[in-house]
Amino acid sequence: MALNRDFIGRSFPPSEPYEVSRVKIREFAVAIGDDNPIYRDAEAAKAAGHPDVIAPPTFPIVVSLGNPGLADPDLGLNYAMVVHGEQRFEYTRPLRAGDVVTCTSTITEIRSIGNNEKMVVETDVTTVEGELVCKTYNTIVERGA
């Protein structure tokens, strides 16, 4: 079934606040196999010019696709048929331990590619104080739609 084109341009309310902790940063770094000490050791991060450990560049994927609006049945997305198409990040500064962030997502594109549906979701990751930390671009492909 085709995704609902009425969702193009739709923005969803901000997510619940998420605290970026040292533990979550370390767990993510381990999961992706990155042993850079600035993701684990506050002193190494400070020596590199950061106030605390920072998150690996792809860490925002943890919070950026969790918006409940993407599960709206009227969108018509069958998660059982979803594969990851692409992701990229534009940073104003690194995410760091102690940040509390929310995500505001907008569906910017939906189109058919053969028997598949492609959807692009742009998400602003901001601190609860309103500082934009990064913008994520995620492409989701629903196979066999």
N, C-alpha and C. Protein backbone atom coordinates (compact mmCIF):
# COMPACT_ATOMS: atom_id res chain seq x y z
N MET A 1 0.85 -1.18 0.00
CA MET A 1 0.00 0.00 0.00
C MET A 1 0.90 1.24 0.00
N ALA A 2 0.52 2.22 -0.78
CA ALA A 2 1.30 3.45 -0.87
C ALA A 2 1.19 4.25 0.42
N LEU A 3 2.29 4.92 0.75
CA LEU A 3 2.26 5.81 1.91
C LEU A 3 1.37 7.01 1.61
N ASN A 4 0.77 7.54 2.63
CA ASN A 4 -0.17 8.65 2.51
C ASN A 4 0.59 9.95 2.20
N ARG A 5 0.41 10.46 0.99
CA ARG A 5 1.10 11.67 0.56
C ARG A 5 0.65 12.91 1.34
N ASP A 6 -0.48 12.84 2.04
CA ASP A 6 -0.92 13.96 2.87
C ASP A 6 0.06 14.25 4.01
N PHE A 7 0.95 13.30 4.29
CA PHE A 7 1.92 13.48 5.37
C PHE A 7 3.15 14.28 4.93
N ILE A 8 3.31 14.52 3.62
CA ILE A 8 4.45 15.31 3.15
C ILE A 8 4.32 16.72 3.72
N GLY A 9 5.39 17.16 4.38
CA GLY A 9 5.39 18.48 5.01
C GLY A 9 4.88 18.49 6.43
N ARG A 10 4.39 17.36 6.90
CA ARG A 10 3.85 17.30 8.26
C ARG A 10 4.98 17.25 9.28
N SER A 11 4.90 18.13 10.25
CA SER A 11 5.83 18.13 11.39
C SER A 11 5.10 17.58 12.60
N PHE A 12 5.85 16.90 13.43
CA PHE A 12 5.29 16.29 14.62
C PHE A 12 5.78 17.03 15.85
N PRO A 13 5.00 17.02 16.92
CA PRO A 13 5.43 17.71 18.14
C PRO A 13 6.77 17.15 18.64
N PRO A 14 7.50 17.95 19.41
CA PRO A 14 8.79 17.47 19.94
C PRO A 14 8.62 16.20 20.76
N SER A 15 9.64 15.37 20.69
CA SER A 15 9.67 14.14 21.48
C SER A 15 9.81 14.48 22.96
N GLU A 16 9.66 13.47 23.77
CA GLU A 16 9.94 13.62 25.20
C GLU A 16 11.44 13.90 25.36
N PRO A 17 11.83 14.67 26.36
CA PRO A 17 13.27 14.94 26.57
C PRO A 17 14.05 13.64 26.79
N TYR A 18 15.24 13.60 26.23
CA TYR A 18 16.14 12.46 26.35
C TYR A 18 17.47 12.97 26.90
N GLU A 19 17.91 12.39 28.01
CA GLU A 19 19.20 12.79 28.58
C GLU A 19 20.31 11.95 27.97
N VAL A 20 21.26 12.62 27.37
CA VAL A 20 22.43 11.96 26.79
C VAL A 20 23.41 11.70 27.94
N SER A 21 23.56 10.45 28.30
CA SER A 21 24.41 10.12 29.45
C SER A 21 25.73 9.51 29.00
N ARG A 22 26.71 9.56 29.88
CA ARG A 22 28.00 8.91 29.60
C ARG A 22 27.81 7.43 29.33
N VAL A 23 26.93 6.81 30.10
CA VAL A 23 26.70 5.36 29.94
C VAL A 23 26.15 5.06 28.54
N LYS A 24 25.15 5.83 28.10
CA LYS A 24 24.56 5.59 26.77
C LYS A 24 25.57 5.87 25.66
N ILE A 25 26.38 6.90 25.84
CA ILE A 25 27.42 7.19 24.85
C ILE A 25 28.40 6.03 24.77
N ARG A 26 28.85 5.55 25.92
CA ARG A 26 29.80 4.42 25.95
C ARG A 26 29.18 3.18 25.32
N GLU A 27 27.94 2.87 25.68
CA GLU A 27 27.27 1.69 25.11
C GLU A 27 27.16 1.80 23.59
N PHE A 28 26.83 2.98 23.10
CA PHE A 28 26.70 3.17 21.66
C PHE A 28 28.06 3.00 20.98
N ALA A 29 29.11 3.58 21.57
CA ALA A 29 30.45 3.46 20.99
C ALA A 29 30.89 2.00 20.93
N VAL A 30 30.59 1.25 21.98
CA VAL A 30 30.91 -0.18 21.99
C VAL A 30 30.13 -0.90 20.89
N ALA A 31 28.84 -0.57 20.77
CA ALA A 31 27.98 -1.24 19.78
C ALA A 31 28.46 -1.02 18.35
N ILE A 32 29.02 0.17 18.08
CA ILE A 32 29.49 0.43 16.71
C ILE A 32 30.98 0.12 16.54
N GLY A 33 31.62 -0.34 17.61
CA GLY A 33 33.02 -0.74 17.52
C GLY A 33 34.00 0.42 17.43
N ASP A 34 33.65 1.56 18.01
CA ASP A 34 34.53 2.73 17.96
C ASP A 34 35.18 2.92 19.33
N ASP A 35 36.49 2.76 19.40
CA ASP A 35 37.18 2.84 20.69
C ASP A 35 37.83 4.20 20.94
N ASN A 36 37.38 5.23 20.24
CA ASN A 36 37.92 6.57 20.45
C ASN A 36 37.71 6.96 21.91
N PRO A 37 38.77 7.36 22.62
CA PRO A 37 38.63 7.65 24.05
C PRO A 37 37.75 8.86 24.36
N ILE A 38 37.51 9.76 23.41
CA ILE A 38 36.66 10.92 23.72
C ILE A 38 35.20 10.52 23.91
N TYR A 39 34.87 9.26 23.58
CA TYR A 39 33.51 8.74 23.80
C TYR A 39 33.40 8.02 25.15
N ARG A 40 34.54 7.83 25.84
CA ARG A 40 34.54 7.04 27.07
C ARG A 40 35.19 7.74 28.26
N ASP A 41 36.13 8.61 27.99
CA ASP A 41 36.97 9.17 29.04
C ASP A 41 36.85 10.70 29.07
N ALA A 42 36.31 11.22 30.17
CA ALA A 42 36.10 12.67 30.28
C ALA A 42 37.41 13.44 30.15
N GLU A 43 38.49 12.91 30.69
CA GLU A 43 39.78 13.61 30.60
C GLU A 43 40.28 13.66 29.16
N ALA A 44 40.10 12.57 28.42
CA ALA A 44 40.49 12.56 27.00
C ALA A 44 39.64 13.56 26.22
N ALA A 45 38.36 13.61 26.54
CA ALA A 45 37.46 14.56 25.86
C ALA A 45 37.87 15.99 26.17
N LYS A 46 38.20 16.26 27.44
CA LYS A 46 38.62 17.61 27.83
C LYS A 46 39.93 17.99 27.14
N ALA A 47 40.85 17.04 27.03
CA ALA A 47 42.12 17.29 26.35
C ALA A 47 41.90 17.62 24.87
N ALA A 48 40.80 17.11 24.33
CA ALA A 48 40.46 17.38 22.92
C ALA A 48 39.61 18.65 22.77
N GLY A 49 39.36 19.34 23.90
CA GLY A 49 38.64 20.61 23.83
C GLY A 49 37.16 20.54 24.11
N HIS A 50 36.68 19.41 24.61
CA HIS A 50 35.26 19.25 24.91
C HIS A 50 35.04 19.34 26.42
N PRO A 51 33.86 19.80 26.85
CA PRO A 51 33.60 19.91 28.29
C PRO A 51 33.37 18.56 28.98
N ASP A 52 33.04 17.54 28.21
CA ASP A 52 32.78 16.20 28.74
C ASP A 52 32.86 15.24 27.56
N VAL A 53 32.61 13.94 27.81
CA VAL A 53 32.62 12.99 26.70
C VAL A 53 31.57 13.42 25.68
N ILE A 54 31.88 13.16 24.43
CA ILE A 54 30.93 13.47 23.37
C ILE A 54 30.42 12.17 22.76
N ALA A 55 29.31 12.28 22.06
CA ALA A 55 28.71 11.10 21.43
C ALA A 55 29.29 10.92 20.03
N PRO A 56 29.40 9.67 19.58
CA PRO A 56 29.81 9.45 18.19
C PRO A 56 28.85 10.16 17.23
N PRO A 57 29.33 10.51 16.06
CA PRO A 57 28.51 11.30 15.13
C PRO A 57 27.16 10.70 14.77
N THR A 58 27.04 9.37 14.79
CA THR A 58 25.76 8.75 14.41
C THR A 58 24.83 8.52 15.60
N PHE A 59 25.22 8.92 16.79
CA PHE A 59 24.41 8.71 18.00
C PHE A 59 22.99 9.26 17.89
N PRO A 60 22.74 10.40 17.23
CA PRO A 60 21.37 10.91 17.19
C PRO A 60 20.33 9.96 16.60
N ILE A 61 20.77 8.92 15.90
CA ILE A 61 19.80 7.95 15.39
C ILE A 61 19.04 7.30 16.55
N VAL A 62 19.67 7.26 17.73
CA VAL A 62 19.03 6.68 18.91
C VAL A 62 17.74 7.40 19.25
N VAL A 63 17.72 8.71 19.06
CA VAL A 63 16.56 9.50 19.46
C VAL A 63 15.78 10.07 18.29
N SER A 64 16.37 10.16 17.11
CA SER A 64 15.73 10.93 16.03
C SER A 64 14.57 10.22 15.34
N LEU A 65 14.50 8.92 15.37
CA LEU A 65 13.40 8.22 14.70
C LEU A 65 12.36 7.68 15.67
N GLY A 66 12.39 8.15 16.90
CA GLY A 66 11.45 7.65 17.89
C GLY A 66 10.15 8.43 17.98
N ASN A 67 9.91 9.34 17.05
CA ASN A 67 8.71 10.16 17.13
C ASN A 67 7.46 9.31 16.90
N PRO A 68 6.51 9.34 17.84
CA PRO A 68 5.31 8.52 17.70
C PRO A 68 4.48 8.86 16.46
N GLY A 69 4.64 10.07 15.91
CA GLY A 69 3.89 10.44 14.71
C GLY A 69 4.20 9.55 13.53
N LEU A 70 5.41 8.98 13.49
CA LEU A 70 5.78 8.10 12.39
C LEU A 70 5.06 6.76 12.46
N ALA A 71 4.45 6.47 13.60
CA ALA A 71 3.67 5.24 13.76
C ALA A 71 2.18 5.47 13.53
N ASP A 72 1.81 6.67 13.11
CA ASP A 72 0.40 6.99 12.85
C ASP A 72 -0.14 6.02 11.80
N PRO A 73 -1.19 5.27 12.11
CA PRO A 73 -1.72 4.31 11.14
C PRO A 73 -2.15 4.96 9.83
N ASP A 74 -2.53 6.23 9.85
CA ASP A 74 -2.95 6.91 8.63
C ASP A 74 -1.79 7.14 7.66
N LEU A 75 -0.55 7.11 8.15
CA LEU A 75 0.61 7.21 7.27
C LEU A 75 0.70 5.97 6.39
N GLY A 76 0.37 4.81 6.96
CA GLY A 76 0.38 3.57 6.20
C GLY A 76 1.71 2.87 6.12
N LEU A 77 2.64 3.20 7.02
CA LEU A 77 3.97 2.60 7.01
C LEU A 77 3.94 1.24 7.69
N ASN A 78 4.38 0.22 6.96
CA ASN A 78 4.46 -1.14 7.50
C ASN A 78 5.91 -1.37 7.94
N TYR A 79 6.15 -1.23 9.25
CA TYR A 79 7.51 -1.35 9.77
C TYR A 79 8.14 -2.71 9.50
N ALA A 80 7.33 -3.74 9.31
CA ALA A 80 7.87 -5.07 9.02
C ALA A 80 8.55 -5.11 7.66
N MET A 81 8.25 -4.13 6.80
CA MET A 81 8.81 -4.11 5.45
C MET A 81 9.83 -2.98 5.26
N VAL A 82 10.23 -2.33 6.36
CA VAL A 82 11.12 -1.17 6.27
C VAL A 82 12.58 -1.60 6.30
N VAL A 83 13.34 -0.96 5.42
CA VAL A 83 14.80 -1.07 5.46
C VAL A 83 15.36 0.35 5.51
N HIS A 84 16.56 0.44 6.01
CA HIS A 84 17.24 1.72 6.15
C HIS A 84 17.80 2.12 4.79
N GLY A 85 17.47 3.32 4.34
CA GLY A 85 17.97 3.76 3.05
C GLY A 85 19.24 4.58 3.17
N GLU A 86 19.19 5.61 4.00
CA GLU A 86 20.34 6.52 4.13
C GLU A 86 20.14 7.34 5.39
N GLN A 87 21.24 7.83 5.93
CA GLN A 87 21.16 8.80 7.02
C GLN A 87 22.36 9.72 6.91
N ARG A 88 22.14 10.97 7.32
CA ARG A 88 23.24 11.91 7.41
C ARG A 88 22.91 12.92 8.49
N PHE A 89 23.95 13.59 8.95
CA PHE A 89 23.83 14.49 10.08
C PHE A 89 24.55 15.79 9.77
N GLU A 90 23.94 16.91 10.14
CA GLU A 90 24.59 18.22 10.06
C GLU A 90 24.65 18.76 11.47
N TYR A 91 25.86 19.00 11.94
CA TYR A 91 26.07 19.41 13.33
C TYR A 91 26.36 20.90 13.47
N THR A 92 25.85 21.49 14.55
CA THR A 92 26.30 22.80 14.97
C THR A 92 27.33 22.64 16.09
N ARG A 93 27.22 21.53 16.82
CA ARG A 93 28.22 21.12 17.82
C ARG A 93 27.96 19.67 18.16
N PRO A 94 28.94 18.98 18.76
CA PRO A 94 28.73 17.58 19.13
C PRO A 94 27.71 17.43 20.25
N LEU A 95 27.00 16.33 20.24
CA LEU A 95 26.18 15.96 21.41
C LEU A 95 27.15 15.54 22.50
N ARG A 96 26.85 15.93 23.72
CA ARG A 96 27.77 15.59 24.81
C ARG A 96 26.99 15.10 26.02
N ALA A 97 27.70 14.40 26.88
CA ALA A 97 27.10 13.91 28.12
C ALA A 97 26.51 15.09 28.88
N GLY A 98 25.29 14.87 29.36
CA GLY A 98 24.60 15.91 30.11
C GLY A 98 23.59 16.69 29.28
N ASP A 99 23.70 16.63 27.95
CA ASP A 99 22.69 17.28 27.12
C ASP A 99 21.34 16.60 27.35
N VAL A 100 20.31 17.40 27.40
CA VAL A 100 18.94 16.89 27.41
C VAL A 100 18.31 17.43 26.14
N VAL A 101 17.91 16.53 25.24
CA VAL A 101 17.46 16.93 23.91
C VAL A 101 16.05 16.46 23.61
N THR A 102 15.44 17.17 22.68
CA THR A 102 14.18 16.74 22.10
C THR A 102 14.37 16.72 20.59
N CYS A 103 13.48 16.01 19.91
CA CYS A 103 13.55 15.88 18.46
C CYS A 103 12.22 16.30 17.85
N THR A 104 12.30 17.16 16.85
CA THR A 104 11.12 17.56 16.10
C THR A 104 11.31 17.09 14.67
N SER A 105 10.43 16.20 14.23
CA SER A 105 10.58 15.57 12.92
C SER A 105 9.55 16.09 11.92
N THR A 106 9.99 16.15 10.66
CA THR A 106 9.13 16.54 9.55
C THR A 106 9.34 15.56 8.41
N ILE A 107 8.26 15.07 7.85
CA ILE A 107 8.34 14.24 6.65
C ILE A 107 8.47 15.19 5.46
N THR A 108 9.60 15.12 4.77
CA THR A 108 9.85 16.06 3.68
C THR A 108 9.63 15.46 2.30
N GLU A 109 9.59 14.15 2.22
CA GLU A 109 9.42 13.52 0.90
C GLU A 109 8.81 12.15 1.06
N ILE A 110 7.90 11.82 0.18
CA ILE A 110 7.39 10.46 0.01
C ILE A 110 7.25 10.26 -1.49
N ARG A 111 7.84 9.17 -1.99
CA ARG A 111 7.66 8.88 -3.41
C ARG A 111 7.84 7.39 -3.67
N SER A 112 7.29 6.96 -4.77
CA SER A 112 7.40 5.57 -5.18
C SER A 112 8.67 5.38 -6.00
N ILE A 113 9.33 4.27 -5.73
CA ILE A 113 10.49 3.86 -6.53
C ILE A 113 10.24 2.39 -6.87
N GLY A 114 9.78 2.14 -8.07
CA GLY A 114 9.39 0.78 -8.44
C GLY A 114 8.26 0.32 -7.55
N ASN A 115 8.44 -0.83 -6.91
CA ASN A 115 7.43 -1.36 -5.98
C ASN A 115 7.67 -0.90 -4.54
N ASN A 116 8.58 0.03 -4.35
CA ASN A 116 8.93 0.48 -3.01
C ASN A 116 8.45 1.91 -2.77
N GLU A 117 8.34 2.26 -1.50
CA GLU A 117 8.01 3.62 -1.11
C GLU A 117 9.22 4.19 -0.37
N LYS A 118 9.61 5.39 -0.73
CA LYS A 118 10.74 6.07 -0.09
C LYS A 118 10.18 7.25 0.69
N MET A 119 10.62 7.38 1.95
CA MET A 119 10.20 8.49 2.78
C MET A 119 11.44 9.12 3.41
N VAL A 120 11.52 10.45 3.35
CA VAL A 120 12.63 11.18 3.97
C VAL A 120 12.08 11.94 5.16
N VAL A 121 12.75 11.77 6.30
CA VAL A 121 12.37 12.43 7.54
C VAL A 121 13.54 13.30 7.99
N GLU A 122 13.28 14.60 8.15
CA GLU A 122 14.28 15.52 8.69
C GLU A 122 13.93 15.80 10.14
N THR A 123 14.93 15.77 11.00
CA THR A 123 14.70 15.96 12.43
C THR A 123 15.68 16.97 12.99
N ASP A 124 15.14 17.94 13.71
CA ASP A 124 15.97 18.88 14.47
C ASP A 124 16.17 18.32 15.86
N VAL A 125 17.42 18.14 16.26
CA VAL A 125 17.76 17.70 17.61
C VAL A 125 18.20 18.94 18.37
N THR A 126 17.41 19.34 19.34
CA THR A 126 17.69 20.57 20.09
C THR A 126 17.74 20.27 21.59
N THR A 127 18.51 21.09 22.28
CA THR A 127 18.50 20.97 23.74
C THR A 127 17.17 21.51 24.25
N VAL A 128 16.83 21.15 25.49
CA VAL A 128 15.59 21.66 26.06
C VAL A 128 15.63 23.18 26.23
N GLU A 129 16.83 23.75 26.17
CA GLU A 129 16.96 25.21 26.22
C GLU A 129 16.74 25.84 24.85
N GLY A 130 16.61 25.02 23.81
CA GLY A 130 16.33 25.53 22.47
C GLY A 130 17.52 25.63 21.54
N GLU A 131 18.69 25.15 21.95
CA GLU A 131 19.87 25.20 21.10
C GLU A 131 19.85 24.04 20.10
N LEU A 132 19.92 24.36 18.79
CA LEU A 132 20.00 23.32 17.77
C LEU A 132 21.38 22.67 17.85
N VAL A 133 21.41 21.37 18.07
CA VAL A 133 22.67 20.63 18.13
C VAL A 133 22.97 20.01 16.78
N CYS A 134 21.97 19.38 16.19
CA CYS A 134 22.17 18.82 14.86
C CYS A 134 20.84 18.62 14.16
N LYS A 135 20.95 18.40 12.87
CA LYS A 135 19.81 18.09 12.04
C LYS A 135 20.10 16.73 11.42
N THR A 136 19.12 15.83 11.47
CA THR A 136 19.30 14.51 10.88
C THR A 136 18.42 14.37 9.65
N TYR A 137 18.90 13.60 8.71
CA TYR A 137 18.15 13.30 7.49
C TYR A 137 18.13 11.77 7.38
N ASN A 138 16.95 11.18 7.46
CA ASN A 138 16.82 9.73 7.41
C ASN A 138 15.91 9.32 6.27
N THR A 139 16.41 8.41 5.46
CA THR A 139 15.62 7.87 4.37
C THR A 139 15.20 6.45 4.75
N ILE A 140 13.90 6.25 4.69
CA ILE A 140 13.30 4.96 5.03
C ILE A 140 12.68 4.40 3.76
N VAL A 141 12.92 3.12 3.50
CA VAL A 141 12.34 2.48 2.33
C VAL A 141 11.42 1.36 2.81
N GLU A 142 10.18 1.43 2.35
CA GLU A 142 9.23 0.34 2.62
C GLU A 142 9.21 -0.53 1.37
N ARG A 143 9.66 -1.77 1.53
CA ARG A 143 9.77 -2.68 0.41
C ARG A 143 8.40 -3.24 0.00
N GLY A 144 8.22 -3.37 -1.28
CA GLY A 144 7.04 -4.05 -1.79
C GLY A 144 5.72 -3.38 -1.51
N ALA A 145 5.76 -2.06 -1.34
CA ALA A 145 4.51 -1.35 -1.06
C ALA A 145 3.67 -1.40 -2.30
